[in-house]
Amino acid sequence: GLATGHWLVTLGGILFVSLWRVGEMVVPKLRVSGAEF
């Protein structure tokens, strides 16, 4: 995908990792304060 694919997957990767961390907040032992999140 060259430069377009490079940029899109980078942004998608950041979003994917962030949403995964959001999902972890459902688990009580993985919850943290807003600042730590």
Full PDB file with SEQRES, HELIX, SHEET, SSBOND, CRYST1, ORIGX, SCALE, CONECT and MASTER records, all heavy atoms in Angstrom:
SEQRES   1 A   37  GLY LEU ALA THR GLY HIS TRP LEU VAL THR LEU GLY GLY          
SEQRES   2 A   37  ILE LEU PHE VAL SER LEU TRP ARG VAL GLY GLU MET VAL          
SEQRES   3 A   37  VAL PRO LYS LEU ARG VAL SER GLY ALA GLU PHE                  
HELIX    1 AA1 LEU A    2  GLU A   24  1                                  23    
HELIX    2 AA2 PRO A   28  LEU A   30  5                                   3    
CRYST1    1.000    1.000    1.000  90.00  90.00  90.00 P 1           1          
ORIGX1      1.000000  0.000000  0.000000        0.00000                         
ORIGX2      0.000000  1.000000  0.000000        0.00000                         
ORIGX3      0.000000  0.000000  1.000000        0.00000                         
SCALE1      1.000000  0.000000  0.000000        0.00000                         
SCALE2      0.000000  1.000000  0.000000        0.00000                         
SCALE3      0.000000  0.000000  1.000000        0.00000                         
ATOM      1  N   GLY A   1       0.804  -1.222   0.000  1.00  0.00           N  
ATOM      2  CA  GLY A   1       0.000   0.000   0.000  1.00  0.00           C  
ATOM      3  C   GLY A   1       0.829   1.261   0.000  1.00  0.00           C  
ATOM      4  O   GLY A   1       0.275   2.364  -0.073  1.00  0.00           O  
ATOM      5  N   LEU A   2       2.151   1.097   0.108  1.00  0.00           N  
ATOM      6  CA  LEU A   2       3.109   2.210   0.088  1.00  0.00           C  
ATOM      7  C   LEU A   2       2.758   3.258   1.157  1.00  0.00           C  
ATOM      8  O   LEU A   2       2.326   2.907   2.243  1.00  0.00           O  
ATOM      9  CB  LEU A   2       3.188   2.796  -1.308  1.00  0.00           C  
ATOM     10  CG  LEU A   2       3.613   1.798  -2.412  1.00  0.00           C  
ATOM     11  CD1 LEU A   2       3.625   2.468  -3.775  1.00  0.00           C  
ATOM     12  CD2 LEU A   2       4.950   1.174  -2.076  1.00  0.00           C  
ATOM     13  N   ALA A   3       2.957   4.530   0.849  1.00  0.00           N  
ATOM     14  CA  ALA A   3       2.826   5.566   1.873  1.00  0.00           C  
ATOM     15  C   ALA A   3       1.413   5.622   2.460  1.00  0.00           C  
ATOM     16  O   ALA A   3       1.233   5.819   3.674  1.00  0.00           O  
ATOM     17  CB  ALA A   3       3.201   6.920   1.288  1.00  0.00           C  
ATOM     18  N   THR A   4       0.402   5.438   1.613  1.00  0.00           N  
ATOM     19  CA  THR A   4      -0.979   5.482   2.105  1.00  0.00           C  
ATOM     20  C   THR A   4      -1.233   4.373   3.112  1.00  0.00           C  
ATOM     21  O   THR A   4      -1.786   4.599   4.198  1.00  0.00           O  
ATOM     22  CB  THR A   4      -1.966   5.364   0.931  1.00  0.00           C  
ATOM     23  OG1 THR A   4      -1.749   6.429   0.012  1.00  0.00           O  
ATOM     24  CG2 THR A   4      -3.399   5.401   1.434  1.00  0.00           C  
ATOM     25  N   GLY A   5      -0.845   3.152   2.751  1.00  0.00           N  
ATOM     26  CA  GLY A   5      -1.013   2.023   3.657  1.00  0.00           C  
ATOM     27  C   GLY A   5      -0.220   2.208   4.941  1.00  0.00           C  
ATOM     28  O   GLY A   5      -0.686   1.854   6.030  1.00  0.00           O  
ATOM     29  N   HIS A   6       0.968   2.770   4.809  1.00  0.00           N  
ATOM     30  CA  HIS A   6       1.832   3.001   5.960  1.00  0.00           C  
ATOM     31  C   HIS A   6       1.157   3.920   6.978  1.00  0.00           C  
ATOM     32  O   HIS A   6       1.097   3.616   8.178  1.00  0.00           O  
ATOM     33  CB  HIS A   6       3.153   3.602   5.459  1.00  0.00           C  
ATOM     34  CG  HIS A   6       4.169   3.815   6.523  1.00  0.00           C  
ATOM     35  ND1 HIS A   6       5.064   4.864   6.486  1.00  0.00           N  
ATOM     36  CD2 HIS A   6       4.451   3.154   7.664  1.00  0.00           C  
ATOM     37  CE1 HIS A   6       5.855   4.812   7.536  1.00  0.00           C  
ATOM     38  NE2 HIS A   6       5.500   3.786   8.267  1.00  0.00           N  
ATOM     39  N   TRP A   7       0.641   5.032   6.495  1.00  0.00           N  
ATOM     40  CA  TRP A   7      -0.001   5.993   7.396  1.00  0.00           C  
ATOM     41  C   TRP A   7      -1.314   5.454   7.961  1.00  0.00           C  
ATOM     42  O   TRP A   7      -1.584   5.597   9.168  1.00  0.00           O  
ATOM     43  CB  TRP A   7      -0.259   7.301   6.663  1.00  0.00           C  
ATOM     44  CG  TRP A   7       0.930   8.196   6.616  1.00  0.00           C  
ATOM     45  CD1 TRP A   7       1.840   8.330   5.607  1.00  0.00           C  
ATOM     46  CD2 TRP A   7       1.358   9.075   7.656  1.00  0.00           C  
ATOM     47  NE1 TRP A   7       2.814   9.238   5.941  1.00  0.00           N  
ATOM     48  CE2 TRP A   7       2.552   9.714   7.193  1.00  0.00           C  
ATOM     49  CE3 TRP A   7       0.882   9.403   8.912  1.00  0.00           C  
ATOM     50  CZ2 TRP A   7       3.242  10.649   7.955  1.00  0.00           C  
ATOM     51  CZ3 TRP A   7       1.568  10.335   9.690  1.00  0.00           C  
ATOM     52  CH2 TRP A   7       2.725  10.944   9.206  1.00  0.00           C  
ATOM     53  N   LEU A   8      -2.135   4.831   7.121  1.00  0.00           N  
ATOM     54  CA  LEU A   8      -3.444   4.355   7.574  1.00  0.00           C  
ATOM     55  C   LEU A   8      -3.307   3.280   8.649  1.00  0.00           C  
ATOM     56  O   LEU A   8      -4.021   3.303   9.661  1.00  0.00           O  
ATOM     57  CB  LEU A   8      -4.251   3.818   6.397  1.00  0.00           C  
ATOM     58  CG  LEU A   8      -4.799   4.864   5.424  1.00  0.00           C  
ATOM     59  CD1 LEU A   8      -5.542   4.189   4.275  1.00  0.00           C  
ATOM     60  CD2 LEU A   8      -5.726   5.851   6.148  1.00  0.00           C  
ATOM     61  N   VAL A   9      -2.381   2.341   8.446  1.00  0.00           N  
ATOM     62  CA  VAL A   9      -2.227   1.262   9.429  1.00  0.00           C  
ATOM     63  C   VAL A   9      -1.591   1.789  10.714  1.00  0.00           C  
ATOM     64  O   VAL A   9      -1.897   1.303  11.803  1.00  0.00           O  
ATOM     65  CB  VAL A   9      -1.409   0.101   8.828  1.00  0.00           C  
ATOM     66  CG1 VAL A   9      -1.089  -0.942   9.879  1.00  0.00           C  
ATOM     67  CG2 VAL A   9      -2.180  -0.541   7.682  1.00  0.00           C  
ATOM     68  N   THR A  10      -0.724   2.785  10.607  1.00  0.00           N  
ATOM     69  CA  THR A  10      -0.175   3.392  11.824  1.00  0.00           C  
ATOM     70  C   THR A  10      -1.283   4.004  12.665  1.00  0.00           C  
ATOM     71  O   THR A  10      -1.376   3.760  13.882  1.00  0.00           O  
ATOM     72  CB  THR A  10       0.862   4.473  11.475  1.00  0.00           C  
ATOM     73  OG1 THR A  10       1.963   3.880  10.783  1.00  0.00           O  
ATOM     74  CG2 THR A  10       1.373   5.147  12.742  1.00  0.00           C  
ATOM     75  N   LEU A  11      -2.123   4.803  12.023  1.00  0.00           N  
ATOM     76  CA  LEU A  11      -3.242   5.417  12.750  1.00  0.00           C  
ATOM     77  C   LEU A  11      -4.212   4.352  13.259  1.00  0.00           C  
ATOM     78  O   LEU A  11      -4.705   4.436  14.388  1.00  0.00           O  
ATOM     79  CB  LEU A  11      -3.973   6.403  11.844  1.00  0.00           C  
ATOM     80  CG  LEU A  11      -3.152   7.620  11.395  1.00  0.00           C  
ATOM     81  CD1 LEU A  11      -3.943   8.461  10.395  1.00  0.00           C  
ATOM     82  CD2 LEU A  11      -2.746   8.468  12.606  1.00  0.00           C  
ATOM     83  N   GLY A  12      -4.456   3.337  12.412  1.00  0.00           N  
ATOM     84  CA  GLY A  12      -5.340   2.245  12.835  1.00  0.00           C  
ATOM     85  C   GLY A  12      -4.752   1.469  14.003  1.00  0.00           C  
ATOM     86  O   GLY A  12      -5.488   1.038  14.905  1.00  0.00           O  
ATOM     87  N   GLY A  13      -3.434   1.283  13.991  1.00  0.00           N  
ATOM     88  CA  GLY A  13      -2.782   0.570  15.084  1.00  0.00           C  
ATOM     89  C   GLY A  13      -2.901   1.317  16.401  1.00  0.00           C  
ATOM     90  O   GLY A  13      -3.156   0.722  17.459  1.00  0.00           O  
ATOM     91  N   ILE A  14      -2.701   2.628  16.353  1.00  0.00           N  
ATOM     92  CA  ILE A  14      -2.848   3.447  17.569  1.00  0.00           C  
ATOM     93  C   ILE A  14      -4.277   3.343  18.104  1.00  0.00           C  
ATOM     94  O   ILE A  14      -4.504   3.177  19.314  1.00  0.00           O  
ATOM     95  CB  ILE A  14      -2.481   4.914  17.279  1.00  0.00           C  
ATOM     96  CG1 ILE A  14      -0.991   5.027  16.951  1.00  0.00           C  
ATOM     97  CG2 ILE A  14      -2.847   5.807  18.460  1.00  0.00           C  
ATOM     98  CD1 ILE A  14      -0.556   6.406  16.498  1.00  0.00           C  
ATOM     99  N   LEU A  15      -5.251   3.415  17.196  1.00  0.00           N  
ATOM    100  CA  LEU A  15      -6.663   3.302  17.599  1.00  0.00           C  
ATOM    101  C   LEU A  15      -6.960   1.922  18.171  1.00  0.00           C  
ATOM    102  O   LEU A  15      -7.656   1.790  19.193  1.00  0.00           O  
ATOM    103  CB  LEU A  15      -7.565   3.593  16.396  1.00  0.00           C  
ATOM    104  CG  LEU A  15      -9.069   3.507  16.644  1.00  0.00           C  
ATOM    105  CD1 LEU A  15      -9.494   4.535  17.692  1.00  0.00           C  
ATOM    106  CD2 LEU A  15      -9.839   3.713  15.339  1.00  0.00           C  
ATOM    107  N   PHE A  16      -6.428   0.889  17.528  1.00  0.00           N  
ATOM    108  CA  PHE A  16      -6.664  -0.493  17.963  1.00  0.00           C  
ATOM    109  C   PHE A  16      -6.122  -0.731  19.372  1.00  0.00           C  
ATOM    110  O   PHE A  16      -6.817  -1.281  20.242  1.00  0.00           O  
ATOM    111  CB  PHE A  16      -6.005  -1.442  16.958  1.00  0.00           C  
ATOM    112  CG  PHE A  16      -6.199  -2.906  17.257  1.00  0.00           C  
ATOM    113  CD1 PHE A  16      -7.421  -3.406  17.682  1.00  0.00           C  
ATOM    114  CD2 PHE A  16      -5.148  -3.795  17.103  1.00  0.00           C  
ATOM    115  CE1 PHE A  16      -7.598  -4.760  17.952  1.00  0.00           C  
ATOM    116  CE2 PHE A  16      -5.301  -5.142  17.356  1.00  0.00           C  
ATOM    117  CZ  PHE A  16      -6.530  -5.628  17.793  1.00  0.00           C  
ATOM    118  N   VAL A  17      -4.889  -0.311  19.614  1.00  0.00           N  
ATOM    119  CA  VAL A  17      -4.281  -0.486  20.936  1.00  0.00           C  
ATOM    120  C   VAL A  17      -5.042   0.326  21.989  1.00  0.00           C  
ATOM    121  O   VAL A  17      -5.265  -0.141  23.119  1.00  0.00           O  
ATOM    122  CB  VAL A  17      -2.790  -0.064  20.907  1.00  0.00           C  
ATOM    123  CG1 VAL A  17      -2.186  -0.094  22.307  1.00  0.00           C  
ATOM    124  CG2 VAL A  17      -2.000  -0.978  19.978  1.00  0.00           C  
ATOM    125  N   SER A  18      -5.472   1.529  21.621  1.00  0.00           N  
ATOM    126  CA  SER A  18      -6.200   2.380  22.565  1.00  0.00           C  
ATOM    127  C   SER A  18      -7.546   1.769  22.935  1.00  0.00           C  
ATOM    128  O   SER A  18      -7.940   1.744  24.117  1.00  0.00           O  
ATOM    129  CB  SER A  18      -6.398   3.772  21.968  1.00  0.00           C  
ATOM    130  OG  SER A  18      -5.153   4.391  21.690  1.00  0.00           O  
ATOM    131  N   LEU A  19      -8.278   1.269  21.927  1.00  0.00           N  
ATOM    132  CA  LEU A  19      -9.581   0.666  22.202  1.00  0.00           C  
ATOM    133  C   LEU A  19      -9.435  -0.607  23.023  1.00  0.00           C  
ATOM    134  O   LEU A  19     -10.302  -0.912  23.866  1.00  0.00           O  
ATOM    135  CB  LEU A  19     -10.306   0.361  20.883  1.00  0.00           C  
ATOM    136  CG  LEU A  19     -10.786   1.577  20.087  1.00  0.00           C  
ATOM    137  CD1 LEU A  19     -11.389   1.147  18.758  1.00  0.00           C  
ATOM    138  CD2 LEU A  19     -11.796   2.383  20.899  1.00  0.00           C  
ATOM    139  N   TRP A  20      -8.363  -1.335  22.797  1.00  0.00           N  
ATOM    140  CA  TRP A  20      -8.107  -2.535  23.594  1.00  0.00           C  
ATOM    141  C   TRP A  20      -7.936  -2.157  25.069  1.00  0.00           C  
ATOM    142  O   TRP A  20      -8.464  -2.821  25.957  1.00  0.00           O  
ATOM    143  CB  TRP A  20      -6.856  -3.245  23.086  1.00  0.00           C  
ATOM    144  CG  TRP A  20      -6.610  -4.612  23.669  1.00  0.00           C  
ATOM    145  CD1 TRP A  20      -6.235  -4.906  24.950  1.00  0.00           C  
ATOM    146  CD2 TRP A  20      -6.727  -5.865  23.000  1.00  0.00           C  
ATOM    147  NE1 TRP A  20      -6.084  -6.251  25.129  1.00  0.00           N  
ATOM    148  CE2 TRP A  20      -6.380  -6.874  23.938  1.00  0.00           C  
ATOM    149  CE3 TRP A  20      -7.065  -6.232  21.697  1.00  0.00           C  
ATOM    150  CZ2 TRP A  20      -6.369  -8.226  23.605  1.00  0.00           C  
ATOM    151  CZ3 TRP A  20      -7.055  -7.583  21.372  1.00  0.00           C  
ATOM    152  CH2 TRP A  20      -6.716  -8.566  22.314  1.00  0.00           C  
ATOM    153  N   ARG A  21      -7.210  -1.063  25.293  1.00  0.00           N  
ATOM    154  CA  ARG A  21      -7.008  -0.606  26.677  1.00  0.00           C  
ATOM    155  C   ARG A  21      -8.323  -0.134  27.281  1.00  0.00           C  
ATOM    156  O   ARG A  21      -8.580  -0.340  28.483  1.00  0.00           O  
ATOM    157  CB  ARG A  21      -5.969   0.526  26.719  1.00  0.00           C  
ATOM    158  CG  ARG A  21      -5.660   1.018  28.128  1.00  0.00           C  
ATOM    159  CD  ARG A  21      -4.960  -0.045  28.947  1.00  0.00           C  
ATOM    160  NE  ARG A  21      -4.811   0.348  30.350  1.00  0.00           N  
ATOM    161  CZ  ARG A  21      -5.634  -0.021  31.319  1.00  0.00           C  
ATOM    162  NH1 ARG A  21      -6.696  -0.793  31.050  1.00  0.00           N  
ATOM    163  NH2 ARG A  21      -5.416   0.349  32.571  1.00  0.00           N  
ATOM    164  N   VAL A  22      -9.167   0.491  26.459  1.00  0.00           N  
ATOM    165  CA  VAL A  22     -10.491   0.891  26.936  1.00  0.00           C  
ATOM    166  C   VAL A  22     -11.286  -0.343  27.362  1.00  0.00           C  
ATOM    167  O   VAL A  22     -11.936  -0.364  28.417  1.00  0.00           O  
ATOM    168  CB  VAL A  22     -11.249   1.667  25.846  1.00  0.00           C  
ATOM    169  CG1 VAL A  22     -12.706   1.883  26.261  1.00  0.00           C  
ATOM    170  CG2 VAL A  22     -10.581   3.004  25.575  1.00  0.00           C  
ATOM    171  N   GLY A  23     -11.222  -1.398  26.546  1.00  0.00           N  
ATOM    172  CA  GLY A  23     -11.928  -2.633  26.877  1.00  0.00           C  
ATOM    173  C   GLY A  23     -11.423  -3.263  28.166  1.00  0.00           C  
ATOM    174  O   GLY A  23     -12.195  -3.887  28.910  1.00  0.00           O  
ATOM    175  N   GLU A  24     -10.124  -3.110  28.443  1.00  0.00           N  
ATOM    176  CA  GLU A  24      -9.572  -3.675  29.672  1.00  0.00           C  
ATOM    177  C   GLU A  24     -10.140  -3.006  30.921  1.00  0.00           C  
ATOM    178  O   GLU A  24     -10.123  -3.598  32.007  1.00  0.00           O  
ATOM    179  CB  GLU A  24      -8.051  -3.537  29.676  1.00  0.00           C  
ATOM    180  CG  GLU A  24      -7.338  -4.471  28.715  1.00  0.00           C  
ATOM    181  CD  GLU A  24      -5.831  -4.311  28.795  1.00  0.00           C  
ATOM    182  OE1 GLU A  24      -5.355  -3.268  29.295  1.00  0.00           O  
ATOM    183  OE2 GLU A  24      -5.118  -5.236  28.355  1.00  0.00           O  
ATOM    184  N   MET A  25     -10.610  -1.788  30.782  1.00  0.00           N  
ATOM    185  CA  MET A  25     -11.145  -1.065  31.938  1.00  0.00           C  
ATOM    186  C   MET A  25     -12.404  -1.739  32.489  1.00  0.00           C  
ATOM    187  O   MET A  25     -12.847  -1.436  33.613  1.00  0.00           O  
ATOM    188  CB  MET A  25     -11.448   0.374  31.550  1.00  0.00           C  
ATOM    189  CG  MET A  25     -10.215   1.208  31.241  1.00  0.00           C  
ATOM    190  SD  MET A  25      -9.259   1.614  32.703  1.00  0.00           S  
ATOM    191  CE  MET A  25     -10.254   2.935  33.405  1.00  0.00           C  
ATOM    192  N   VAL A  26     -12.992  -2.648  31.710  1.00  0.00           N  
ATOM    193  CA  VAL A  26     -14.157  -3.381  32.190  1.00  0.00           C  
ATOM    194  C   VAL A  26     -13.761  -4.329  33.315  1.00  0.00           C  
ATOM    195  O   VAL A  26     -14.556  -4.609  34.231  1.00  0.00           O  
ATOM    196  CB  VAL A  26     -14.807  -4.161  31.028  1.00  0.00           C  
ATOM    197  CG1 VAL A  26     -15.971  -5.008  31.517  1.00  0.00           C  
ATOM    198  CG2 VAL A  26     -15.270  -3.202  29.940  1.00  0.00           C  
ATOM    199  N   VAL A  27     -12.520  -4.835  33.236  1.00  0.00           N  
ATOM    200  CA  VAL A  27     -12.024  -5.766  34.260  1.00  0.00           C  
ATOM    201  C   VAL A  27     -11.626  -4.958  35.498  1.00  0.00           C  
ATOM    202  O   VAL A  27     -10.775  -4.066  35.396  1.00  0.00           O  
ATOM    203  CB  VAL A  27     -10.821  -6.573  33.736  1.00  0.00           C  
ATOM    204  CG1 VAL A  27     -10.350  -7.571  34.799  1.00  0.00           C  
ATOM    205  CG2 VAL A  27     -11.192  -7.286  32.445  1.00  0.00           C  
ATOM    206  N   PRO A  28     -12.211  -5.241  36.659  1.00  0.00           N  
ATOM    207  CA  PRO A  28     -11.942  -4.428  37.855  1.00  0.00           C  
ATOM    208  C   PRO A  28     -10.459  -4.284  38.189  1.00  0.00           C  
ATOM    209  O   PRO A  28     -10.008  -3.185  38.540  1.00  0.00           O  
ATOM    210  CB  PRO A  28     -12.698  -5.188  38.959  1.00  0.00           C  
ATOM    211  CG  PRO A  28     -13.808  -5.879  38.234  1.00  0.00           C  
ATOM    212  CD  PRO A  28     -13.223  -6.271  36.903  1.00  0.00           C  
ATOM    213  N   LYS A  29      -9.688  -5.359  38.104  1.00  0.00           N  
ATOM    214  CA  LYS A  29      -8.279  -5.270  38.515  1.00  0.00           C  
ATOM    215  C   LYS A  29      -7.423  -4.483  37.530  1.00  0.00           C  
ATOM    216  O   LYS A  29      -6.289  -4.122  37.839  1.00  0.00           O  
ATOM    217  CB  LYS A  29      -7.693  -6.673  38.690  1.00  0.00           C  
ATOM    218  CG  LYS A  29      -7.584  -7.480  37.419  1.00  0.00           C  
ATOM    219  CD  LYS A  29      -6.930  -8.832  37.701  1.00  0.00           C  
ATOM    220  CE  LYS A  29      -6.756  -9.636  36.422  1.00  0.00           C  
ATOM    221  NZ  LYS A  29      -6.095 -10.950  36.683  1.00  0.00           N  
ATOM    222  N   LEU A  30      -7.967  -4.207  36.326  1.00  0.00           N  
ATOM    223  CA  LEU A  30      -7.232  -3.442  35.335  1.00  0.00           C  
ATOM    224  C   LEU A  30      -7.667  -1.979  35.280  1.00  0.00           C  
ATOM    225  O   LEU A  30      -7.133  -1.214  34.484  1.00  0.00           O  
ATOM    226  CB  LEU A  30      -7.390  -4.077  33.942  1.00  0.00           C  
ATOM    227  CG  LEU A  30      -6.831  -5.495  33.781  1.00  0.00           C  
ATOM    228  CD1 LEU A  30      -7.088  -6.010  32.370  1.00  0.00           C  
ATOM    229  CD2 LEU A  30      -5.341  -5.535  34.089  1.00  0.00           C  
ATOM    230  N   ARG A  31      -8.618  -1.611  36.130  1.00  0.00           N  
ATOM    231  CA  ARG A  31      -9.081  -0.235  36.143  1.00  0.00           C  
ATOM    232  C   ARG A  31      -8.077   0.668  36.852  1.00  0.00           C  
ATOM    233  O   ARG A  31      -7.438   0.269  37.824  1.00  0.00           O  
ATOM    234  CB  ARG A  31     -10.426  -0.142  36.851  1.00  0.00           C  
ATOM    235  CG  ARG A  31     -11.575  -0.777  36.084  1.00  0.00           C  
ATOM    236  CD  ARG A  31     -12.850  -0.752  36.911  1.00  0.00           C  
ATOM    237  NE  ARG A  31     -13.921  -1.498  36.260  1.00  0.00           N  
ATOM    238  CZ  ARG A  31     -15.054  -1.832  36.869  1.00  0.00           C  
ATOM    239  NH1 ARG A  31     -15.255  -1.463  38.134  1.00  0.00           N  
ATOM    240  NH2 ARG A  31     -15.971  -2.523  36.218  1.00  0.00           N  
ATOM    241  N   VAL A  32      -7.943   1.858  36.313  1.00  0.00           N  
ATOM    242  CA  VAL A  32      -7.051   2.850  36.922  1.00  0.00           C  
ATOM    243  C   VAL A  32      -7.760   4.210  36.901  1.00  0.00           C  
ATOM    244  O   VAL A  32      -8.836   4.350  36.320  1.00  0.00           O  
ATOM    245  CB  VAL A  32      -5.709   2.949  36.150  1.00  0.00           C  
ATOM    246  CG1 VAL A  32      -4.903   1.672  36.289  1.00  0.00           C  
ATOM    247  CG2 VAL A  32      -5.949   3.276  34.672  1.00  0.00           C  
ATOM    248  N   SER A  33      -7.145   5.197  37.502  1.00  0.00           N  
ATOM    249  CA  SER A  33      -7.717   6.540  37.505  1.00  0.00           C  
ATOM    250  C   SER A  33      -7.653   7.142  36.106  1.00  0.00           C  
ATOM    251  O   SER A  33      -6.957   6.635  35.227  1.00  0.00           O  
ATOM    252  CB  SER A  33      -6.950   7.426  38.482  1.00  0.00           C  
ATOM    253  OG  SER A  33      -5.616   7.603  38.031  1.00  0.00           O  
ATOM    254  N   GLY A  34      -8.376   8.237  35.919  1.00  0.00           N  
ATOM    255  CA  GLY A  34      -8.405   8.876  34.615  1.00  0.00           C  
ATOM    256  C   GLY A  34      -7.037   9.309  34.148  1.00  0.00           C  
ATOM    257  O   GLY A  34      -6.669   9.115  32.983  1.00  0.00           O  
ATOM    258  N   ALA A  35      -6.234   9.879  35.039  1.00  0.00           N  
ATOM    259  CA  ALA A  35      -4.893  10.343  34.668  1.00  0.00           C  
ATOM    260  C   ALA A  35      -4.007   9.175  34.261  1.00  0.00           C  
ATOM    261  O   ALA A  35      -3.274   9.249  33.264  1.00  0.00           O  
ATOM    262  CB  ALA A  35      -4.271  11.107  35.834  1.00  0.00           C  
ATOM    263  N   GLU A  36      -4.074   8.063  35.033  1.00  0.00           N  
ATOM    264  CA  GLU A  36      -3.253   6.893  34.713  1.00  0.00           C  
ATOM    265  C   GLU A  36      -3.718   6.248  33.401  1.00  0.00           C  
ATOM    266  O   GLU A  36      -2.905   5.751  32.621  1.00  0.00           O  
ATOM    267  CB  GLU A  36      -3.333   5.873  35.851  1.00  0.00           C  
ATOM    268  CG  GLU A  36      -2.702   6.343  37.146  1.00  0.00           C  
ATOM    269  CD  GLU A  36      -1.221   6.644  36.968  1.00  0.00           C  
ATOM    270  OE1 GLU A  36      -0.497   5.788  36.434  1.00  0.00           O  
ATOM    271  OE2 GLU A  36      -0.790   7.754  37.353  1.00  0.00           O  
ATOM    272  N   PHE A  37      -5.018   6.270  33.156  1.00  0.00           N  
ATOM    273  CA  PHE A  37      -5.554   5.706  31.917  1.00  0.00           C  
ATOM    274  C   PHE A  37      -4.993   6.436  30.701  1.00  0.00           C  
ATOM    275  O   PHE A  37      -4.555   5.811  29.722  1.00  0.00           O  
ATOM    276  CB  PHE A  37      -7.079   5.796  31.928  1.00  0.00           C  
ATOM    277  CG  PHE A  37      -7.713   5.495  30.602  1.00  0.00           C  
ATOM    278  CD1 PHE A  37      -7.819   4.194  30.138  1.00  0.00           C  
ATOM    279  CD2 PHE A  37      -8.195   6.530  29.795  1.00  0.00           C  
ATOM    280  CE1 PHE A  37      -8.401   3.922  28.896  1.00  0.00           C  
ATOM    281  CE2 PHE A  37      -8.775   6.270  28.569  1.00  0.00           C  
ATOM    282  CZ  PHE A  37      -8.884   4.953  28.113  1.00  0.00           C  
TER     283      PHE A  37                                                      
MASTER        0    0    0    2    0    0    0    6  282    1    0    3          
END                                                                             
